[in-house]
Amino acid sequence: MSAENDALLTEEATRLRLAVGRLSRRIRIDGGDSLPPLQLSALSTIALHAPLRLSELAKREAVTAPTMSRVLGALDDQGLVVRTPDPQDARGVLITLSDSGRARLDEIKTHRTALVARRLSKLDPRQREVIRAALPAIEALLEDDD
């Protein structure tokens, strides 16, 4: 790759990082979420992969087990998760969403989607088409390199 291509790639990466970060922050601010980001992320991960052990959830969220234990304690205090004994290991527990956890997560997702839709509606049709066309590439950035 040439130095010119390296510079262009770095500029694109910088602009994308800043735009995605700022949009994400704006959605959190405008959404007025009552859940901190790690709690919300943990709820989303549990919804996708439950039942999970604490260690599995911590690994998926890239945090330590003690940190995840505190997050789960806060979610449990709010009645958003259910802990049940792991039938494979008497010392372990499995974590799933409670009905209220699922309802809260759905409410937050619906509200955030509406916020993004409002922002998209302010763009002209050509800009929206460019975003629509870029979505597969942006989604590909989320795939693991495994």
N, C-alpha and C. Protein backbone atom coordinates (compact mmCIF):
# COMPACT_ATOMS: atom_id res chain seq x y z
N MET A 1 0.86 -1.18 0.00
CA MET A 1 0.00 0.00 0.00
C MET A 1 0.90 1.24 0.00
N SER A 2 0.55 2.21 -0.82
CA SER A 2 1.36 3.42 -0.92
C SER A 2 1.10 4.34 0.27
N ALA A 3 2.01 5.30 0.43
CA ALA A 3 1.86 6.27 1.52
C ALA A 3 0.58 7.08 1.34
N GLU A 4 0.25 7.37 0.09
CA GLU A 4 -0.98 8.12 -0.19
C GLU A 4 -2.21 7.30 0.20
N ASN A 5 -2.21 6.02 -0.10
CA ASN A 5 -3.32 5.15 0.28
C ASN A 5 -3.40 4.98 1.79
N ASP A 6 -2.22 4.88 2.44
CA ASP A 6 -2.19 4.80 3.91
C ASP A 6 -2.82 6.04 4.54
N ALA A 7 -2.47 7.20 4.00
CA ALA A 7 -3.00 8.46 4.53
C ALA A 7 -4.51 8.53 4.33
N LEU A 8 -4.99 8.10 3.15
CA LEU A 8 -6.42 8.11 2.87
C LEU A 8 -7.16 7.15 3.80
N LEU A 9 -6.60 5.95 3.99
CA LEU A 9 -7.22 4.97 4.89
C LEU A 9 -7.27 5.51 6.32
N THR A 10 -6.20 6.16 6.75
CA THR A 10 -6.17 6.73 8.10
C THR A 10 -7.21 7.84 8.25
N GLU A 11 -7.35 8.68 7.21
CA GLU A 11 -8.35 9.74 7.26
C GLU A 11 -9.76 9.16 7.31
N GLU A 12 -10.04 8.15 6.48
CA GLU A 12 -11.36 7.51 6.49
C GLU A 12 -11.65 6.87 7.83
N ALA A 13 -10.65 6.18 8.38
CA ALA A 13 -10.82 5.53 9.69
C ALA A 13 -11.11 6.55 10.77
N THR A 14 -10.40 7.66 10.74
CA THR A 14 -10.60 8.72 11.73
C THR A 14 -12.01 9.31 11.62
N ARG A 15 -12.42 9.63 10.40
CA ARG A 15 -13.75 10.21 10.21
C ARG A 15 -14.85 9.25 10.63
N LEU A 16 -14.71 7.97 10.26
CA LEU A 16 -15.72 6.97 10.64
C LEU A 16 -15.77 6.80 12.15
N ARG A 17 -14.60 6.70 12.79
CA ARG A 17 -14.56 6.54 14.25
C ARG A 17 -15.22 7.71 14.94
N LEU A 18 -14.90 8.91 14.52
CA LEU A 18 -15.49 10.10 15.15
C LEU A 18 -17.00 10.16 14.90
N ALA A 19 -17.43 9.89 13.68
CA ALA A 19 -18.86 9.97 13.37
C ALA A 19 -19.65 8.93 14.14
N VAL A 20 -19.16 7.69 14.15
CA VAL A 20 -19.87 6.63 14.87
C VAL A 20 -19.89 6.92 16.37
N GLY A 21 -18.76 7.34 16.91
CA GLY A 21 -18.68 7.66 18.34
C GLY A 21 -19.61 8.79 18.72
N ARG A 22 -19.61 9.84 17.91
CA ARG A 22 -20.48 10.99 18.21
C ARG A 22 -21.96 10.65 18.06
N LEU A 23 -22.29 9.88 17.02
CA LEU A 23 -23.68 9.47 16.84
C LEU A 23 -24.13 8.60 18.01
N SER A 24 -23.28 7.68 18.41
CA SER A 24 -23.61 6.81 19.54
C SER A 24 -23.82 7.63 20.83
N ARG A 25 -22.93 8.57 21.06
CA ARG A 25 -23.06 9.42 22.25
C ARG A 25 -24.33 10.26 22.18
N ARG A 26 -24.64 10.80 21.00
CA ARG A 26 -25.85 11.61 20.83
C ARG A 26 -27.10 10.78 21.09
N ILE A 27 -27.09 9.54 20.63
CA ILE A 27 -28.25 8.66 20.87
C ILE A 27 -28.40 8.40 22.36
N ARG A 28 -27.28 8.15 23.06
CA ARG A 28 -27.35 7.92 24.51
C ARG A 28 -27.87 9.16 25.23
N ILE A 29 -27.37 10.34 24.84
CA ILE A 29 -27.78 11.58 25.50
C ILE A 29 -29.25 11.88 25.21
N ASP A 30 -29.62 11.82 23.93
CA ASP A 30 -31.00 12.13 23.55
C ASP A 30 -31.97 11.09 24.10
N GLY A 31 -31.49 9.86 24.23
CA GLY A 31 -32.34 8.78 24.72
C GLY A 31 -32.63 8.87 26.20
N GLY A 32 -31.78 9.59 26.94
CA GLY A 32 -31.99 9.72 28.37
C GLY A 32 -32.06 8.38 29.08
N ASP A 33 -31.27 7.42 28.59
CA ASP A 33 -31.30 6.08 29.18
C ASP A 33 -30.96 6.12 30.66
N SER A 34 -31.69 5.35 31.41
CA SER A 34 -31.42 5.28 32.85
C SER A 34 -30.42 4.17 33.15
N LEU A 35 -30.04 3.39 32.13
CA LEU A 35 -29.05 2.34 32.34
C LEU A 35 -27.69 2.78 31.83
N PRO A 36 -26.64 2.59 32.62
CA PRO A 36 -25.29 2.89 32.13
C PRO A 36 -24.94 1.98 30.95
N PRO A 37 -24.03 2.43 30.09
CA PRO A 37 -23.70 1.68 28.87
C PRO A 37 -23.34 0.21 29.10
N LEU A 38 -22.54 -0.11 30.11
CA LEU A 38 -22.15 -1.51 30.33
C LEU A 38 -23.35 -2.36 30.76
N GLN A 39 -24.23 -1.81 31.55
CA GLN A 39 -25.44 -2.55 31.94
C GLN A 39 -26.31 -2.82 30.72
N LEU A 40 -26.48 -1.82 29.87
CA LEU A 40 -27.28 -1.99 28.66
C LEU A 40 -26.63 -3.00 27.72
N SER A 41 -25.33 -2.92 27.57
CA SER A 41 -24.62 -3.87 26.72
C SER A 41 -24.76 -5.29 27.25
N ALA A 42 -24.63 -5.44 28.57
CA ALA A 42 -24.78 -6.77 29.18
C ALA A 42 -26.19 -7.31 28.94
N LEU A 43 -27.20 -6.47 29.10
CA LEU A 43 -28.58 -6.91 28.83
C LEU A 43 -28.74 -7.39 27.39
N SER A 44 -28.17 -6.64 26.46
CA SER A 44 -28.25 -7.02 25.05
C SER A 44 -27.55 -8.35 24.78
N THR A 45 -26.40 -8.53 25.39
CA THR A 45 -25.65 -9.78 25.21
C THR A 45 -26.41 -10.95 25.82
N ILE A 46 -26.99 -10.75 26.98
CA ILE A 46 -27.79 -11.81 27.61
C ILE A 46 -28.98 -12.15 26.71
N ALA A 47 -29.63 -11.15 26.15
CA ALA A 47 -30.78 -11.39 25.28
C ALA A 47 -30.38 -12.24 24.07
N LEU A 48 -29.20 -12.02 23.55
CA LEU A 48 -28.75 -12.75 22.36
C LEU A 48 -28.23 -14.15 22.66
N HIS A 49 -27.60 -14.33 23.83
CA HIS A 49 -26.85 -15.57 24.07
C HIS A 49 -27.26 -16.36 25.31
N ALA A 50 -28.32 -15.95 25.98
CA ALA A 50 -28.72 -16.61 27.23
C ALA A 50 -29.09 -18.07 26.99
N PRO A 51 -28.93 -18.88 28.01
CA PRO A 51 -28.39 -18.56 29.34
C PRO A 51 -26.87 -18.49 29.30
N LEU A 52 -26.32 -17.60 30.12
CA LEU A 52 -24.88 -17.40 30.19
C LEU A 52 -24.39 -17.50 31.63
N ARG A 53 -23.20 -18.02 31.77
CA ARG A 53 -22.51 -17.95 33.07
C ARG A 53 -21.85 -16.58 33.16
N LEU A 54 -21.59 -16.13 34.37
CA LEU A 54 -20.96 -14.83 34.58
C LEU A 54 -19.65 -14.74 33.80
N SER A 55 -18.84 -15.78 33.85
CA SER A 55 -17.53 -15.75 33.17
C SER A 55 -17.70 -15.60 31.65
N GLU A 56 -18.71 -16.26 31.08
CA GLU A 56 -18.97 -16.13 29.64
C GLU A 56 -19.40 -14.71 29.30
N LEU A 57 -20.26 -14.15 30.12
CA LEU A 57 -20.74 -12.79 29.89
C LEU A 57 -19.59 -11.80 30.00
N ALA A 58 -18.75 -11.96 31.02
CA ALA A 58 -17.60 -11.07 31.19
C ALA A 58 -16.69 -11.14 29.97
N LYS A 59 -16.46 -12.34 29.46
CA LYS A 59 -15.60 -12.50 28.29
C LYS A 59 -16.21 -11.81 27.08
N ARG A 60 -17.50 -12.01 26.86
CA ARG A 60 -18.17 -11.39 25.72
C ARG A 60 -18.16 -9.86 25.81
N GLU A 61 -18.22 -9.34 27.03
CA GLU A 61 -18.22 -7.89 27.24
C GLU A 61 -16.82 -7.31 27.41
N ALA A 62 -15.81 -8.20 27.41
CA ALA A 62 -14.40 -7.79 27.54
C ALA A 62 -14.14 -7.02 28.84
N VAL A 63 -14.69 -7.55 29.93
CA VAL A 63 -14.44 -6.98 31.26
C VAL A 63 -14.05 -8.11 32.20
N THR A 64 -13.58 -7.77 33.37
CA THR A 64 -13.20 -8.78 34.35
C THR A 64 -14.45 -9.36 35.01
N ALA A 65 -14.28 -10.54 35.58
CA ALA A 65 -15.39 -11.17 36.29
C ALA A 65 -15.89 -10.30 37.45
N PRO A 66 -14.99 -9.69 38.26
CA PRO A 66 -15.49 -8.82 39.33
C PRO A 66 -16.32 -7.63 38.80
N THR A 67 -15.90 -7.06 37.69
CA THR A 67 -16.66 -5.96 37.10
C THR A 67 -18.04 -6.44 36.67
N MET A 68 -18.07 -7.61 36.01
CA MET A 68 -19.36 -8.14 35.55
C MET A 68 -20.23 -8.52 36.73
N SER A 69 -19.63 -8.98 37.80
CA SER A 69 -20.40 -9.33 38.99
C SER A 69 -21.12 -8.10 39.53
N ARG A 70 -20.43 -6.96 39.54
CA ARG A 70 -21.06 -5.71 40.01
C ARG A 70 -22.20 -5.29 39.06
N VAL A 71 -21.95 -5.42 37.75
CA VAL A 71 -22.98 -5.07 36.76
C VAL A 71 -24.21 -5.95 36.96
N LEU A 72 -23.99 -7.26 37.10
CA LEU A 72 -25.11 -8.17 37.30
C LEU A 72 -25.84 -7.90 38.61
N GLY A 73 -25.10 -7.51 39.63
CA GLY A 73 -25.73 -7.15 40.90
C GLY A 73 -26.69 -5.98 40.72
N ALA A 74 -26.25 -4.98 39.94
CA ALA A 74 -27.11 -3.81 39.69
C ALA A 74 -28.33 -4.21 38.86
N LEU A 75 -28.12 -5.06 37.85
CA LEU A 75 -29.24 -5.51 37.02
C LEU A 75 -30.22 -6.36 37.83
N ASP A 76 -29.67 -7.19 38.71
CA ASP A 76 -30.49 -8.05 39.57
C ASP A 76 -31.31 -7.19 40.53
N ASP A 77 -30.67 -6.17 41.11
CA ASP A 77 -31.38 -5.27 42.03
C ASP A 77 -32.58 -4.59 41.36
N GLN A 78 -32.46 -4.36 40.06
CA GLN A 78 -33.55 -3.72 39.30
C GLN A 78 -34.55 -4.74 38.77
N GLY A 79 -34.29 -6.03 39.02
CA GLY A 79 -35.20 -7.07 38.57
C GLY A 79 -35.12 -7.35 37.07
N LEU A 80 -33.98 -7.03 36.45
CA LEU A 80 -33.85 -7.15 35.00
C LEU A 80 -33.26 -8.49 34.55
N VAL A 81 -32.65 -9.22 35.48
CA VAL A 81 -32.08 -10.52 35.15
C VAL A 81 -32.55 -11.56 36.16
N VAL A 82 -32.42 -12.81 35.75
CA VAL A 82 -32.75 -13.94 36.63
C VAL A 82 -31.52 -14.83 36.69
N ARG A 83 -31.17 -15.20 37.90
CA ARG A 83 -30.05 -16.13 38.10
C ARG A 83 -30.63 -17.47 38.55
N THR A 84 -30.25 -18.53 37.84
CA THR A 84 -30.71 -19.87 38.21
C THR A 84 -29.50 -20.78 38.33
N PRO A 85 -29.59 -21.80 39.19
CA PRO A 85 -28.46 -22.71 39.34
C PRO A 85 -28.14 -23.40 38.00
N ASP A 86 -26.85 -23.57 37.76
CA ASP A 86 -26.39 -24.26 36.55
C ASP A 86 -26.52 -25.76 36.79
N PRO A 87 -27.34 -26.46 36.01
CA PRO A 87 -27.51 -27.89 36.23
C PRO A 87 -26.23 -28.70 35.96
N GLN A 88 -25.29 -28.11 35.22
CA GLN A 88 -24.03 -28.78 34.91
C GLN A 88 -22.96 -28.55 35.98
N ASP A 89 -23.15 -27.51 36.81
CA ASP A 89 -22.14 -27.16 37.82
C ASP A 89 -22.86 -26.53 39.00
N ALA A 90 -22.93 -27.24 40.10
CA ALA A 90 -23.68 -26.78 41.28
C ALA A 90 -23.15 -25.45 41.83
N ARG A 91 -21.89 -25.14 41.54
CA ARG A 91 -21.32 -23.88 42.05
C ARG A 91 -21.69 -22.68 41.18
N GLY A 92 -22.11 -22.93 39.94
CA GLY A 92 -22.36 -21.85 39.01
C GLY A 92 -23.81 -21.48 38.88
N VAL A 93 -24.03 -20.32 38.28
CA VAL A 93 -25.39 -19.88 37.98
C VAL A 93 -25.48 -19.49 36.51
N LEU A 94 -26.67 -19.60 35.98
CA LEU A 94 -26.94 -19.18 34.62
C LEU A 94 -27.78 -17.91 34.67
N ILE A 95 -27.47 -16.99 33.77
CA ILE A 95 -28.13 -15.69 33.77
C ILE A 95 -29.01 -15.57 32.52
N THR A 96 -30.25 -15.16 32.74
CA THR A 96 -31.18 -14.88 31.65
C THR A 96 -31.87 -13.55 31.95
N LEU A 97 -32.57 -13.03 30.96
CA LEU A 97 -33.35 -11.81 31.18
C LEU A 97 -34.65 -12.15 31.88
N SER A 98 -35.06 -11.29 32.76
CA SER A 98 -36.41 -11.42 33.33
C SER A 98 -37.39 -10.81 32.33
N ASP A 99 -38.66 -10.98 32.57
CA ASP A 99 -39.66 -10.35 31.70
C ASP A 99 -39.47 -8.84 31.70
N SER A 100 -39.18 -8.27 32.88
CA SER A 100 -38.97 -6.82 32.93
C SER A 100 -37.70 -6.41 32.22
N GLY A 101 -36.67 -7.26 32.27
CA GLY A 101 -35.43 -6.97 31.56
C GLY A 101 -35.66 -6.94 30.06
N ARG A 102 -36.43 -7.91 29.56
CA ARG A 102 -36.73 -7.96 28.13
C ARG A 102 -37.56 -6.74 27.73
N ALA A 103 -38.55 -6.38 28.55
CA ALA A 103 -39.40 -5.22 28.25
C ALA A 103 -38.57 -3.94 28.25
N ARG A 104 -37.68 -3.80 29.23
CA ARG A 104 -36.84 -2.59 29.32
C ARG A 104 -35.91 -2.50 28.13
N LEU A 105 -35.31 -3.62 27.75
CA LEU A 105 -34.41 -3.64 26.61
C LEU A 105 -35.17 -3.29 25.33
N ASP A 106 -36.35 -3.85 25.15
CA ASP A 106 -37.18 -3.55 23.97
C ASP A 106 -37.55 -2.07 23.93
N GLU A 107 -37.89 -1.53 25.09
CA GLU A 107 -38.25 -0.11 25.16
C GLU A 107 -37.08 0.78 24.76
N ILE A 108 -35.90 0.48 25.26
CA ILE A 108 -34.71 1.27 24.94
C ILE A 108 -34.38 1.15 23.45
N LYS A 109 -34.43 -0.07 22.92
CA LYS A 109 -34.14 -0.27 21.49
C LYS A 109 -35.13 0.50 20.62
N THR A 110 -36.40 0.43 20.96
CA THR A 110 -37.43 1.13 20.19
C THR A 110 -37.20 2.63 20.22
N HIS A 111 -36.89 3.15 21.40
CA HIS A 111 -36.66 4.59 21.55
C HIS A 111 -35.42 5.02 20.77
N ARG A 112 -34.34 4.25 20.87
CA ARG A 112 -33.11 4.60 20.16
C ARG A 112 -33.31 4.52 18.64
N THR A 113 -34.04 3.52 18.18
CA THR A 113 -34.30 3.40 16.75
C THR A 113 -35.10 4.60 16.26
N ALA A 114 -36.06 5.05 17.04
CA ALA A 114 -36.84 6.23 16.68
C ALA A 114 -35.96 7.47 16.60
N LEU A 115 -34.99 7.58 17.52
CA LEU A 115 -34.08 8.73 17.49
C LEU A 115 -33.25 8.72 16.21
N VAL A 116 -32.75 7.56 15.82
CA VAL A 116 -31.95 7.47 14.59
C VAL A 116 -32.84 7.74 13.38
N ALA A 117 -34.05 7.20 13.39
CA ALA A 117 -34.98 7.43 12.27
C ALA A 117 -35.27 8.92 12.11
N ARG A 118 -35.43 9.63 13.23
CA ARG A 118 -35.67 11.08 13.16
C ARG A 118 -34.48 11.79 12.51
N ARG A 119 -33.28 11.37 12.88
CA ARG A 119 -32.08 11.99 12.29
C ARG A 119 -31.98 11.65 10.81
N LEU A 120 -32.27 10.40 10.46
CA LEU A 120 -32.24 10.00 9.05
C LEU A 120 -33.26 10.78 8.22
N SER A 121 -34.41 11.04 8.80
CA SER A 121 -35.48 11.75 8.07
C SER A 121 -35.06 13.18 7.70
N LYS A 122 -34.07 13.71 8.37
CA LYS A 122 -33.60 15.07 8.08
C LYS A 122 -32.64 15.11 6.89
N LEU A 123 -32.17 13.93 6.47
CA LEU A 123 -31.27 13.87 5.32
C LEU A 123 -32.06 13.89 4.03
N ASP A 124 -31.39 14.31 2.96
CA ASP A 124 -32.09 14.24 1.67
C ASP A 124 -32.05 12.79 1.17
N PRO A 125 -32.91 12.45 0.22
CA PRO A 125 -33.00 11.06 -0.25
C PRO A 125 -31.66 10.50 -0.75
N ARG A 126 -30.86 11.32 -1.40
CA ARG A 126 -29.57 10.85 -1.90
C ARG A 126 -28.64 10.46 -0.74
N GLN A 127 -28.61 11.27 0.32
CA GLN A 127 -27.78 10.95 1.47
C GLN A 127 -28.24 9.65 2.14
N ARG A 128 -29.55 9.48 2.22
CA ARG A 128 -30.08 8.24 2.82
C ARG A 128 -29.74 7.04 1.97
N GLU A 129 -29.76 7.18 0.67
CA GLU A 129 -29.39 6.08 -0.23
C GLU A 129 -27.91 5.73 -0.05
N VAL A 130 -27.07 6.72 0.12
CA VAL A 130 -25.63 6.46 0.35
C VAL A 130 -25.45 5.67 1.64
N ILE A 131 -26.15 6.05 2.67
CA ILE A 131 -26.07 5.32 3.94
C ILE A 131 -26.59 3.90 3.77
N ARG A 132 -27.73 3.76 3.10
CA ARG A 132 -28.31 2.43 2.86
C ARG A 132 -27.30 1.54 2.12
N ALA A 133 -26.65 2.09 1.10
CA ALA A 133 -25.68 1.32 0.32
C ALA A 133 -24.44 0.97 1.15
N ALA A 134 -24.09 1.81 2.13
CA ALA A 134 -22.90 1.57 2.95
C ALA A 134 -23.15 0.60 4.10
N LEU A 135 -24.40 0.34 4.43
CA LEU A 135 -24.71 -0.50 5.59
C LEU A 135 -24.05 -1.88 5.54
N PRO A 136 -24.07 -2.61 4.42
CA PRO A 136 -23.39 -3.91 4.42
C PRO A 136 -21.90 -3.81 4.75
N ALA A 137 -21.24 -2.79 4.25
CA ALA A 137 -19.82 -2.61 4.54
C ALA A 137 -19.60 -2.27 6.02
N ILE A 138 -20.45 -1.41 6.55
CA ILE A 138 -20.33 -1.04 7.96
C ILE A 138 -20.59 -2.26 8.84
N GLU A 139 -21.61 -3.04 8.48
CA GLU A 139 -21.90 -4.26 9.24
C GLU A 139 -20.75 -5.25 9.15
N ALA A 140 -20.06 -5.30 8.01
CA ALA A 140 -18.91 -6.20 7.85
C ALA A 140 -17.77 -5.81 8.80
N LEU A 141 -17.68 -4.52 9.14
CA LEU A 141 -16.65 -4.09 10.09
C LEU A 141 -16.84 -4.71 11.46
N LEU A 142 -18.06 -5.13 11.76
CA LEU A 142 -18.38 -5.72 13.07
C LEU A 142 -18.05 -7.20 13.17
N GLU A 143 -17.78 -7.83 12.04
CA GLU A 143 -17.48 -9.25 12.05
C GLU A 143 -16.10 -9.48 12.66
N ASP A 144 -16.01 -10.53 13.46
CA ASP A 144 -14.73 -10.87 14.10
C ASP A 144 -13.75 -11.39 13.07
N ASP A 145 -12.48 -11.20 13.35
CA ASP A 145 -11.43 -11.68 12.47
C ASP A 145 -11.07 -13.13 12.69
N ASP A 146 -11.78 -13.83 13.57
CA ASP A 146 -11.44 -15.20 13.92
C ASP A 146 -11.06 -15.98 12.76
